[in-house]
Amino acid sequence: QLQLVESGGGLVQPGGSLRLSCTASGFTLNYYNIGWFRQAPGKEREGVSCSGSSGGSTNYADSVKGRFTISRDNAKNTVYLQMSSLKPEDTAVYYCAARDHSSCSGYVPWDFWGQGTQVTVSS
């Protein structure tokens, strides 16, 4: 079955850290762009980070740059989003997505989406 599964969300205090995982089944992530997105209550979905296929470059939204890091473990067919210095405004459902494209730029549709994992940053 072709799918993505996110995990690693939870409740964390401001300033804390979490690592989200996105594991693929039925296809090899190395061939795909991987994007992380988030959607907070009452807000539209926001792109957070993207990793290019086959060793391509990465990019980040300005709101998370310097705090979040996207990485891949091809042996595990998994992409991670390491989040540090978390803020209450980072609270959202986080989704990963994959597309058969080499670059993070452009408007190529995302082929697969995960179910989402909740991240709540609160004291």
C-alpha atoms as a PDB file:
ATOM      1  CA  GLN A   1       0.000   0.000   0.000  1.00  0.00           C
ATOM      2  CA  LEU A   2       1.348   3.442  -0.936  1.00  0.00           C
ATOM      3  CA  GLN A   3       1.244   5.650   2.116  1.00  0.00           C
ATOM      4  CA  LEU A   4       3.082   7.980   4.480  1.00  0.00           C
ATOM      5  CA  VAL A   5       2.802   7.738   8.257  1.00  0.00           C
ATOM      6  CA  GLU A   6       3.833  10.550  10.608  1.00  0.00           C
ATOM      7  CA  SER A   7       4.749  10.049  14.246  1.00  0.00           C
ATOM      8  CA  GLY A   8       6.486  11.872  17.071  1.00  0.00           C
ATOM      9  CA  GLY A   9       4.016  14.607  17.924  1.00  0.00           C
ATOM     10  CA  GLY A  10       2.950  15.445  21.433  1.00  0.00           C
ATOM     11  CA  LEU A  11       2.802  18.080  24.144  1.00  0.00           C
ATOM     12  CA  VAL A  12       5.964  20.059  24.848  1.00  0.00           C
ATOM     13  CA  GLN A  13       6.782  23.200  26.833  1.00  0.00           C
ATOM     14  CA  PRO A  14       7.983  26.369  25.095  1.00  0.00           C
ATOM     15  CA  GLY A  15      11.680  26.082  24.344  1.00  0.00           C
ATOM     16  CA  GLY A  16      11.506  22.310  24.118  1.00  0.00           C
ATOM     17  CA  SER A  17      12.228  19.967  21.230  1.00  0.00           C
ATOM     18  CA  LEU A  18      10.476  17.244  19.264  1.00  0.00           C
ATOM     19  CA  ARG A  19      11.462  15.069  16.322  1.00  0.00           C
ATOM     20  CA  LEU A  20       8.766  14.113  13.859  1.00  0.00           C
ATOM     21  CA  SER A  21       9.133  11.077  11.609  1.00  0.00           C
ATOM     22  CA  CYS A  22       7.595  10.376   8.213  1.00  0.00           C
ATOM     23  CA  THR A  23       7.935   6.792   7.006  1.00  0.00           C
ATOM     24  CA  ALA A  24       6.965   5.653   3.511  1.00  0.00           C
ATOM     25  CA  SER A  25       5.435   2.330   2.523  1.00  0.00           C
ATOM     26  CA  GLY A  26       5.206   1.103  -1.064  1.00  0.00           C
ATOM     27  CA  PHE A  27       7.697   3.547  -2.588  1.00  0.00           C
ATOM     28  CA  THR A  28      11.243   4.768  -2.039  1.00  0.00           C
ATOM     29  CA  LEU A  29      11.522   8.250  -0.555  1.00  0.00           C
ATOM     30  CA  ASN A  30      14.937   8.872  -2.108  1.00  0.00           C
ATOM     31  CA  TYR A  31      13.212   9.345  -5.475  1.00  0.00           C
ATOM     32  CA  TYR A  32      10.796  11.996  -4.163  1.00  0.00           C
ATOM     33  CA  ASN A  33      10.540  15.513  -2.861  1.00  0.00           C
ATOM     34  CA  ILE A  34       9.370  15.431   0.755  1.00  0.00           C
ATOM     35  CA  GLY A  35       7.531  18.377   2.278  1.00  0.00           C
ATOM     36  CA  TRP A  36       6.462  19.118   5.826  1.00  0.00           C
ATOM     37  CA  PHE A  37       3.318  21.197   6.281  1.00  0.00           C
ATOM     38  CA  ARG A  38       1.321  22.341   9.274  1.00  0.00           C
ATOM     39  CA  GLN A  39      -2.167  23.628   9.933  1.00  0.00           C
ATOM     40  CA  ALA A  40      -3.118  25.478  13.090  1.00  0.00           C
ATOM     41  CA  PRO A  41      -6.738  25.885  14.213  1.00  0.00           C
ATOM     42  CA  GLY A  42      -8.463  28.573  12.167  1.00  0.00           C
ATOM     43  CA  LYS A  43      -5.525  28.989   9.784  1.00  0.00           C
ATOM     44  CA  GLU A  44      -4.688  27.727   6.320  1.00  0.00           C
ATOM     45  CA  ARG A  45      -2.113  25.018   5.722  1.00  0.00           C
ATOM     46  CA  GLU A  46       1.442  26.340   5.745  1.00  0.00           C
ATOM     47  CA  GLY A  47       4.543  24.896   4.124  1.00  0.00           C
ATOM     48  CA  VAL A  48       7.247  24.347   6.750  1.00  0.00           C
ATOM     49  CA  SER A  49      10.162  22.632   5.018  1.00  0.00           C
ATOM     50  CA  CYS A  50      11.092  20.703   1.896  1.00  0.00           C
ATOM     51  CA  SER A  51      13.820  18.220   0.993  1.00  0.00           C
ATOM     52  CA  GLY A  52      14.813  17.687  -2.629  1.00  0.00           C
ATOM     53  CA  SER A  53      15.114  14.183  -4.040  1.00  0.00           C
ATOM     54  CA  SER A  54      18.420  12.323  -4.459  1.00  0.00           C
ATOM     55  CA  GLY A  55      20.519  14.613  -2.309  1.00  0.00           C
ATOM     56  CA  GLY A  56      18.907  17.844  -3.418  1.00  0.00           C
ATOM     57  CA  SER A  57      18.783  21.024  -1.390  1.00  0.00           C
ATOM     58  CA  THR A  58      16.484  21.830   1.509  1.00  0.00           C
ATOM     59  CA  ASN A  59      14.467  24.927   2.351  1.00  0.00           C
ATOM     60  CA  TYR A  60      12.486  26.288   5.274  1.00  0.00           C
ATOM     61  CA  ALA A  61       9.759  28.768   6.002  1.00  0.00           C
ATOM     62  CA  ASP A  62      11.063  31.976   7.537  1.00  0.00           C
ATOM     63  CA  SER A  63       9.053  31.291  10.678  1.00  0.00           C
ATOM     64  CA  VAL A  64      11.023  28.105  11.443  1.00  0.00           C
ATOM     65  CA  LYS A  65      14.422  28.796   9.877  1.00  0.00           C
ATOM     66  CA  GLY A  66      17.214  28.176  12.351  1.00  0.00           C
ATOM     67  CA  ARG A  67      14.959  26.128  14.625  1.00  0.00           C
ATOM     68  CA  PHE A  68      13.767  23.220  12.433  1.00  0.00           C
ATOM     69  CA  THR A  69      15.886  20.778  10.425  1.00  0.00           C
ATOM     70  CA  ILE A  70      14.710  18.305   7.782  1.00  0.00           C
ATOM     71  CA  SER A  71      16.778  15.175   7.176  1.00  0.00           C
ATOM     72  CA  ARG A  72      16.559  11.746   5.554  1.00  0.00           C
ATOM     73  CA  ASP A  73      17.503   8.212   6.542  1.00  0.00           C
ATOM     74  CA  ASN A  74      17.248   6.317   3.277  1.00  0.00           C
ATOM     75  CA  ALA A  75      17.960   2.956   4.923  1.00  0.00           C
ATOM     76  CA  LYS A  76      14.813   3.408   7.005  1.00  0.00           C
ATOM     77  CA  ASN A  77      12.844   5.066   4.176  1.00  0.00           C
ATOM     78  CA  THR A  78      12.125   7.858   6.636  1.00  0.00           C
ATOM     79  CA  VAL A  79      12.285  11.651   6.698  1.00  0.00           C
ATOM     80  CA  TYR A  80      12.606  13.571   9.954  1.00  0.00           C
ATOM     81  CA  LEU A  81      11.723  17.054  11.089  1.00  0.00           C
ATOM     82  CA  GLN A  82      13.799  18.016  14.111  1.00  0.00           C
ATOM     83  CA  MET A  83      12.119  20.903  15.912  1.00  0.00           C
ATOM     84  CA  SER A  84      13.853  22.903  18.624  1.00  0.00           C
ATOM     85  CA  SER A  85      13.206  26.142  20.517  1.00  0.00           C
ATOM     86  CA  LEU A  86       9.517  25.477  20.083  1.00  0.00           C
ATOM     87  CA  LYS A  87       7.043  28.316  20.496  1.00  0.00           C
ATOM     88  CA  PRO A  88       3.303  28.297  21.222  1.00  0.00           C
ATOM     89  CA  GLU A  89       2.698  29.506  17.665  1.00  0.00           C
ATOM     90  CA  ASP A  90       4.224  26.241  16.408  1.00  0.00           C
ATOM     91  CA  THR A  91       1.148  24.424  17.712  1.00  0.00           C
ATOM     92  CA  ALA A  92      -0.498  22.685  14.747  1.00  0.00           C
ATOM     93  CA  VAL A  93      -1.173  19.389  13.055  1.00  0.00           C
ATOM     94  CA  TYR A  94       1.946  18.523  11.070  1.00  0.00           C
ATOM     95  CA  TYR A  95       1.751  16.606   7.788  1.00  0.00           C
ATOM     96  CA  CYS A  96       4.359  15.133   5.478  1.00  0.00           C
ATOM     97  CA  ALA A  97       3.854  14.816   1.741  1.00  0.00           C
ATOM     98  CA  ALA A  98       5.766  13.314  -1.190  1.00  0.00           C
ATOM     99  CA  ARG A  99       5.887  14.058  -4.915  1.00  0.00           C
ATOM    100  CA  ASP A 100       7.730  12.582  -7.877  1.00  0.00           C
ATOM    101  CA  HIS A 101       9.793  15.689  -8.524  1.00  0.00           C
ATOM    102  CA  SER A 102      13.436  16.627  -8.048  1.00  0.00           C
ATOM    103  CA  SER A 103      13.163  20.222  -6.854  1.00  0.00           C
ATOM    104  CA  CYS A 104      11.310  21.910  -4.018  1.00  0.00           C
ATOM    105  CA  SER A 105      10.345  24.761  -6.352  1.00  0.00           C
ATOM    106  CA  GLY A 106       7.402  24.862  -8.718  1.00  0.00           C
ATOM    107  CA  TYR A 107       3.765  23.855  -8.455  1.00  0.00           C
ATOM    108  CA  VAL A 108       3.922  20.102  -9.044  1.00  0.00           C
ATOM    109  CA  PRO A 109       1.125  18.376  -7.096  1.00  0.00           C
ATOM    110  CA  TRP A 110       1.964  16.381  -3.999  1.00  0.00           C
ATOM    111  CA  ASP A 111       1.180  12.709  -4.678  1.00  0.00           C
ATOM    112  CA  PHE A 112       0.975  11.276  -1.162  1.00  0.00           C
ATOM    113  CA  TRP A 113       0.004  12.725   2.211  1.00  0.00           C
ATOM    114  CA  GLY A 114       0.308  11.398   5.721  1.00  0.00           C
ATOM    115  CA  GLN A 115      -2.482  11.438   8.278  1.00  0.00           C
ATOM    116  CA  GLY A 116      -0.915  14.161  10.416  1.00  0.00           C
ATOM    117  CA  THR A 117       0.471  14.306  13.935  1.00  0.00           C
ATOM    118  CA  GLN A 118      -0.487  16.862  16.578  1.00  0.00           C
ATOM    119  CA  VAL A 119       2.171  19.135  18.070  1.00  0.00           C
ATOM    120  CA  THR A 120       1.096  21.255  21.032  1.00  0.00           C
ATOM    121  CA  VAL A 121       3.479  23.784  22.595  1.00  0.00           C
ATOM    122  CA  SER A 122       2.148  25.056  25.899  1.00  0.00           C
ATOM    123  CA  SER A 123       3.268  25.754  29.442  1.00  0.00           C
END
